């Protein structure tokens, strides 16, 4: 999540909010059972603002 924040910030975004959705682990673990994929992938709500170019 820190990497996502850093990428958005370096791209000119401000007021960055990244909120992980813990409930996503429930369905991600069923994608490929036994791989612990849910430890590496997670859904998130990402909000950020960027001023328009003038």
PDB file of N, CA and C in Angstrom:
ATOM      1  N   UNK A   1       0.818  -1.179   0.000  1.00  0.00           N
ATOM      2  CA  UNK A   1       0.000   0.000   0.000  1.00  0.00           C
ATOM      3  C   UNK A   1       0.868   1.251   0.000  1.00  0.00           C
ATOM      4  N   UNK A   2       2.011   1.172   0.654  1.00  0.00           N
ATOM      5  CA  UNK A   2       2.936   2.303   0.636  1.00  0.00           C
ATOM      6  C   UNK A   2       3.446   2.568  -0.774  1.00  0.00           C
ATOM      7  N   UNK A   3       3.673   1.496  -1.540  1.00  0.00           N
ATOM      8  CA  UNK A   3       4.138   1.650  -2.917  1.00  0.00           C
ATOM      9  C   UNK A   3       3.081   2.338  -3.780  1.00  0.00           C
ATOM     10  N   UNK A   4       1.829   1.977  -3.589  1.00  0.00           N
ATOM     11  CA  UNK A   4       0.743   2.590  -4.351  1.00  0.00           C
ATOM     12  C   UNK A   4       0.658   4.075  -4.020  1.00  0.00           C
ATOM     13  N   UNK A   5       0.732   4.392  -2.725  1.00  0.00           N
ATOM     14  CA  UNK A   5       0.710   5.804  -2.304  1.00  0.00           C
ATOM     15  C   UNK A   5       1.857   6.574  -2.941  1.00  0.00           C
ATOM     16  N   UNK A   6       3.051   5.997  -2.922  1.00  0.00           N
ATOM     17  CA  UNK A   6       4.241   6.650  -3.472  1.00  0.00           C
ATOM     18  C   UNK A   6       4.092   6.869  -4.984  1.00  0.00           C
ATOM     19  N   UNK A   7       3.564   5.874  -5.704  1.00  0.00           N
ATOM     20  CA  UNK A   7       3.375   6.017  -7.152  1.00  0.00           C
ATOM     21  C   UNK A   7       2.374   7.127  -7.467  1.00  0.00           C
ATOM     22  N   UNK A   8       1.273   7.163  -6.713  1.00  0.00           N
ATOM     23  CA  UNK A   8       0.278   8.202  -6.939  1.00  0.00           C
ATOM     24  C   UNK A   8       0.849   9.579  -6.629  1.00  0.00           C
ATOM     25  N   UNK A   9       1.586   9.677  -5.535  1.00  0.00           N
ATOM     26  CA  UNK A   9       2.174  10.959  -5.153  1.00  0.00           C
ATOM     27  C   UNK A   9       3.173  11.433  -6.204  1.00  0.00           C
ATOM     28  N   UNK A  10       4.005  10.531  -6.714  1.00  0.00           N
ATOM     29  CA  UNK A  10       4.994  10.923  -7.713  1.00  0.00           C
ATOM     30  C   UNK A  10       4.343  11.280  -9.050  1.00  0.00           C
ATOM     31  N   UNK A  11       3.083  10.865  -9.229  1.00  0.00           N
ATOM     32  CA  UNK A  11       2.339  11.199 -10.444  1.00  0.00           C
ATOM     33  C   UNK A  11       1.523  12.475 -10.289  1.00  0.00           C
ATOM     34  N   UNK A  12       1.675  13.141  -9.134  1.00  0.00           N
ATOM     35  CA  UNK A  12       1.018  14.421  -8.944  1.00  0.00           C
ATOM     36  C   UNK A  12      -0.305  14.376  -8.195  1.00  0.00           C
ATOM     37  N   UNK A  13      -0.674  13.227  -7.665  1.00  0.00           N
ATOM     38  CA  UNK A  13      -1.916  13.123  -6.912  1.00  0.00           C
ATOM     39  C   UNK A  13      -1.707  13.603  -5.477  1.00  0.00           C
ATOM     40  N   UNK A  14      -2.774  14.127  -4.880  1.00  0.00           N
ATOM     41  CA  UNK A  14      -2.749  14.568  -3.485  1.00  0.00           C
ATOM     42  C   UNK A  14      -3.951  13.963  -2.764  1.00  0.00           C
ATOM     43  N   UNK A  15      -4.030  14.193  -1.478  1.00  0.00           N
ATOM     44  CA  UNK A  15      -5.133  13.680  -0.654  1.00  0.00           C
ATOM     45  C   UNK A  15      -5.372  12.197  -0.949  1.00  0.00           C
ATOM     46  N   UNK A  16      -4.318  11.425  -0.881  1.00  0.00           N
ATOM     47  CA  UNK A  16      -4.346  10.009  -1.240  1.00  0.00           C
ATOM     48  C   UNK A  16      -4.851   9.180  -0.064  1.00  0.00           C
ATOM     49  N   UNK A  17      -5.802   8.309  -0.368  1.00  0.00           N
ATOM     50  CA  UNK A  17      -6.346   7.398   0.632  1.00  0.00           C
ATOM     51  C   UNK A  17      -6.388   6.000   0.028  1.00  0.00           C
ATOM     52  N   UNK A  18      -5.760   5.038   0.693  1.00  0.00           N
ATOM     53  CA  UNK A  18      -5.793   3.647   0.251  1.00  0.00           C
ATOM     54  C   UNK A  18      -6.326   2.817   1.423  1.00  0.00           C
ATOM     55  N   UNK A  19      -7.531   2.277   1.248  1.00  0.00           N
ATOM     56  CA  UNK A  19      -8.186   1.511   2.297  1.00  0.00           C
ATOM     57  C   UNK A  19      -8.317   0.056   1.853  1.00  0.00           C
ATOM     58  N   UNK A  20      -7.570  -0.834   2.501  1.00  0.00           N
ATOM     59  CA  UNK A  20      -7.629  -2.252   2.170  1.00  0.00           C
ATOM     60  C   UNK A  20      -8.994  -2.816   2.544  1.00  0.00           C
ATOM     61  N   UNK A  21      -9.484  -3.707   1.719  1.00  0.00           N
ATOM     62  CA  UNK A  21     -10.759  -4.372   1.983  1.00  0.00           C
ATOM     63  C   UNK A  21     -10.448  -5.784   2.468  1.00  0.00           C
ATOM     64  N   UNK A  22     -10.421  -5.941   3.774  1.00  0.00           N
ATOM     65  CA  UNK A  22     -10.053  -7.228   4.362  1.00  0.00           C
ATOM     66  C   UNK A  22     -10.969  -8.367   3.922  1.00  0.00           C
ATOM     67  N   UNK A  23     -12.225  -8.052   3.612  1.00  0.00           N
ATOM     68  CA  UNK A  23     -13.156  -9.099   3.210  1.00  0.00           C
ATOM     69  C   UNK A  23     -12.779  -9.728   1.870  1.00  0.00           C
ATOM     70  N   UNK A  24     -11.921  -9.084   1.102  1.00  0.00           N
ATOM     71  CA  UNK A  24     -11.511  -9.649  -0.187  1.00  0.00           C
ATOM     72  C   UNK A  24     -10.712 -10.939  -0.009  1.00  0.00           C
ATOM     73  N   UNK A  25     -10.071 -11.094   1.128  1.00  0.00           N
ATOM     74  CA  UNK A  25      -9.311 -12.330   1.392  1.00  0.00           C
ATOM     75  C   UNK A  25     -10.209 -13.560   1.317  1.00  0.00           C
ATOM     76  N   UNK A  26     -11.471 -13.390   1.678  1.00  0.00           N
ATOM     77  CA  UNK A  26     -12.411 -14.517   1.703  1.00  0.00           C
ATOM     78  C   UNK A  26     -12.609 -15.125   0.313  1.00  0.00           C
ATOM     79  N   UNK A  27     -12.770 -14.283  -0.712  1.00  0.00           N
ATOM     80  CA  UNK A  27     -13.011 -14.843  -2.041  1.00  0.00           C
ATOM     81  C   UNK A  27     -11.728 -15.057  -2.832  1.00  0.00           C
ATOM     82  N   UNK A  28     -10.676 -14.317  -2.546  1.00  0.00           N
ATOM     83  CA  UNK A  28      -9.422 -14.498  -3.274  1.00  0.00           C
ATOM     84  C   UNK A  28      -8.814 -15.864  -2.969  1.00  0.00           C
ATOM     85  N   UNK A  29      -8.975 -16.338  -1.734  1.00  0.00           N
ATOM     86  CA  UNK A  29      -8.401 -17.646  -1.387  1.00  0.00           C
ATOM     87  C   UNK A  29      -9.026 -18.780  -2.183  1.00  0.00           C
ATOM     88  N   UNK A  30     -10.219 -18.549  -2.753  1.00  0.00           N
ATOM     89  CA  UNK A  30     -10.893 -19.573  -3.553  1.00  0.00           C
ATOM     90  C   UNK A  30     -10.474 -19.559  -5.017  1.00  0.00           C
ATOM     91  N   UNK A  31      -9.731 -18.546  -5.451  1.00  0.00           N
ATOM     92  CA  UNK A  31      -9.317 -18.477  -6.847  1.00  0.00           C
ATOM     93  C   UNK A  31      -8.454 -19.674  -7.224  1.00  0.00           C
ATOM     94  N   UNK A  32      -7.403 -19.917  -6.450  1.00  0.00           N
ATOM     95  CA  UNK A  32      -6.530 -21.077  -6.670  1.00  0.00           C
ATOM     96  C   UNK A  32      -6.258 -21.687  -5.295  1.00  0.00           C
ATOM     97  N   UNK A  33      -7.146 -22.574  -4.838  1.00  0.00           N
ATOM     98  CA  UNK A  33      -7.030 -23.132  -3.490  1.00  0.00           C
ATOM     99  C   UNK A  33      -5.647 -23.718  -3.199  1.00  0.00           C
ATOM    100  N   UNK A  34      -5.195 -23.486  -1.969  1.00  0.00           N
ATOM    101  CA  UNK A  34      -3.930 -24.046  -1.516  1.00  0.00           C
ATOM    102  C   UNK A  34      -2.698 -23.235  -1.857  1.00  0.00           C
ATOM    103  N   UNK A  35      -2.851 -22.091  -2.536  1.00  0.00           N
ATOM    104  CA  UNK A  35      -1.689 -21.303  -2.942  1.00  0.00           C
ATOM    105  C   UNK A  35      -1.406 -20.122  -2.031  1.00  0.00           C
ATOM    106  N   UNK A  36      -2.306 -19.850  -1.080  1.00  0.00           N
ATOM    107  CA  UNK A  36      -2.181 -18.692  -0.190  1.00  0.00           C
ATOM    108  C   UNK A  36      -2.125 -17.384  -0.966  1.00  0.00           C
ATOM    109  N   UNK A  37      -2.808 -17.344  -2.089  1.00  0.00           N
ATOM    110  CA  UNK A  37      -2.844 -16.162  -2.938  1.00  0.00           C
ATOM    111  C   UNK A  37      -3.353 -14.940  -2.177  1.00  0.00           C
ATOM    112  N   UNK A  38      -4.235 -15.175  -1.210  1.00  0.00           N
ATOM    113  CA  UNK A  38      -4.797 -14.076  -0.419  1.00  0.00           C
ATOM    114  C   UNK A  38      -3.746 -13.345   0.410  1.00  0.00           C
ATOM    115  N   UNK A  39      -2.556 -13.933   0.564  1.00  0.00           N
ATOM    116  CA  UNK A  39      -1.460 -13.262   1.276  1.00  0.00           C
ATOM    117  C   UNK A  39      -0.728 -12.259   0.378  1.00  0.00           C
ATOM    118  N   UNK A  40      -1.002 -12.289  -0.925  1.00  0.00           N
ATOM    119  CA  UNK A  40      -0.279 -11.450  -1.876  1.00  0.00           C
ATOM    120  C   UNK A  40      -1.172 -10.479  -2.646  1.00  0.00           C
ATOM    121  N   UNK A  41      -2.471 -10.755  -2.682  1.00  0.00           N
ATOM    122  CA  UNK A  41      -3.409  -9.925  -3.430  1.00  0.00           C
ATOM    123  C   UNK A  41      -4.513  -9.476  -2.485  1.00  0.00           C
ATOM    124  N   UNK A  42      -4.899  -8.208  -2.599  1.00  0.00           N
ATOM    125  CA  UNK A  42      -5.982  -7.694  -1.771  1.00  0.00           C
ATOM    126  C   UNK A  42      -6.685  -6.566  -2.512  1.00  0.00           C
ATOM    127  N   UNK A  43      -7.989  -6.526  -2.376  1.00  0.00           N
ATOM    128  CA  UNK A  43      -8.751  -5.423  -2.951  1.00  0.00           C
ATOM    129  C   UNK A  43      -8.600  -4.194  -2.065  1.00  0.00           C
ATOM    130  N   UNK A  44      -8.737  -3.026  -2.682  1.00  0.00           N
ATOM    131  CA  UNK A  44      -8.630  -1.783  -1.920  1.00  0.00           C
ATOM    132  C   UNK A  44      -9.474  -0.704  -2.585  1.00  0.00           C
ATOM    133  N   UNK A  45      -9.893   0.242  -1.774  1.00  0.00           N
ATOM    134  CA  UNK A  45     -10.560   1.438  -2.275  1.00  0.00           C
ATOM    135  C   UNK A  45      -9.492   2.519  -2.294  1.00  0.00           C
ATOM    136  N   UNK A  46      -9.243   3.081  -3.481  1.00  0.00           N
ATOM    137  CA  UNK A  46      -8.203   4.088  -3.639  1.00  0.00           C
ATOM    138  C   UNK A  46      -8.859   5.394  -4.058  1.00  0.00           C
ATOM    139  N   UNK A  47      -8.586   6.439  -3.298  1.00  0.00           N
ATOM    140  CA  UNK A  47      -9.098   7.769  -3.614  1.00  0.00           C
ATOM    141  C   UNK A  47      -7.925   8.739  -3.642  1.00  0.00           C
ATOM    142  N   UNK A  48      -7.906   9.592  -4.649  1.00  0.00           N
ATOM    143  CA  UNK A  48      -6.848  10.598  -4.763  1.00  0.00           C
ATOM    144  C   UNK A  48      -7.340  11.709  -5.675  1.00  0.00           C
ATOM    145  N   UNK A  49      -6.735  12.852  -5.558  1.00  0.00           N
ATOM    146  CA  UNK A  49      -7.111  14.012  -6.355  1.00  0.00           C
ATOM    147  C   UNK A  49      -5.908  14.516  -7.142  1.00  0.00           C
ATOM    148  N   UNK A  50      -6.207  15.026  -8.326  1.00  0.00           N
ATOM    149  CA  UNK A  50      -5.144  15.624  -9.141  1.00  0.00           C
ATOM    150  C   UNK A  50      -5.722  16.875  -9.788  1.00  0.00           C
ATOM    151  N   UNK A  51      -5.019  17.966  -9.613  1.00  0.00           N
ATOM    152  CA  UNK A  51      -5.477  19.228 -10.188  1.00  0.00           C
ATOM    153  C   UNK A  51      -5.381  19.149 -11.709  1.00  0.00           C
ATOM    154  N   UNK A  52      -6.369  19.679 -12.398  1.00  0.00           N
ATOM    155  CA  UNK A  52      -6.332  19.663 -13.868  1.00  0.00           C
ATOM    156  C   UNK A  52      -5.213  20.565 -14.396  1.00  0.00           C
ATOM    157  N   UNK A  53      -4.692  20.209 -15.553  1.00  0.00           N
ATOM    158  CA  UNK A  53      -3.676  21.047 -16.205  1.00  0.00           C
ATOM    159  C   UNK A  53      -4.352  22.282 -16.776  1.00  0.00           C
ATOM    160  N   UNK A  54      -3.689  23.398 -16.642  1.00  0.00           N
ATOM    161  CA  UNK A  54      -4.265  24.642 -17.167  1.00  0.00           C
ATOM    162  C   UNK A  54      -3.383  25.151 -18.292  1.00  0.00           C
TER     163      UNK A  54
END
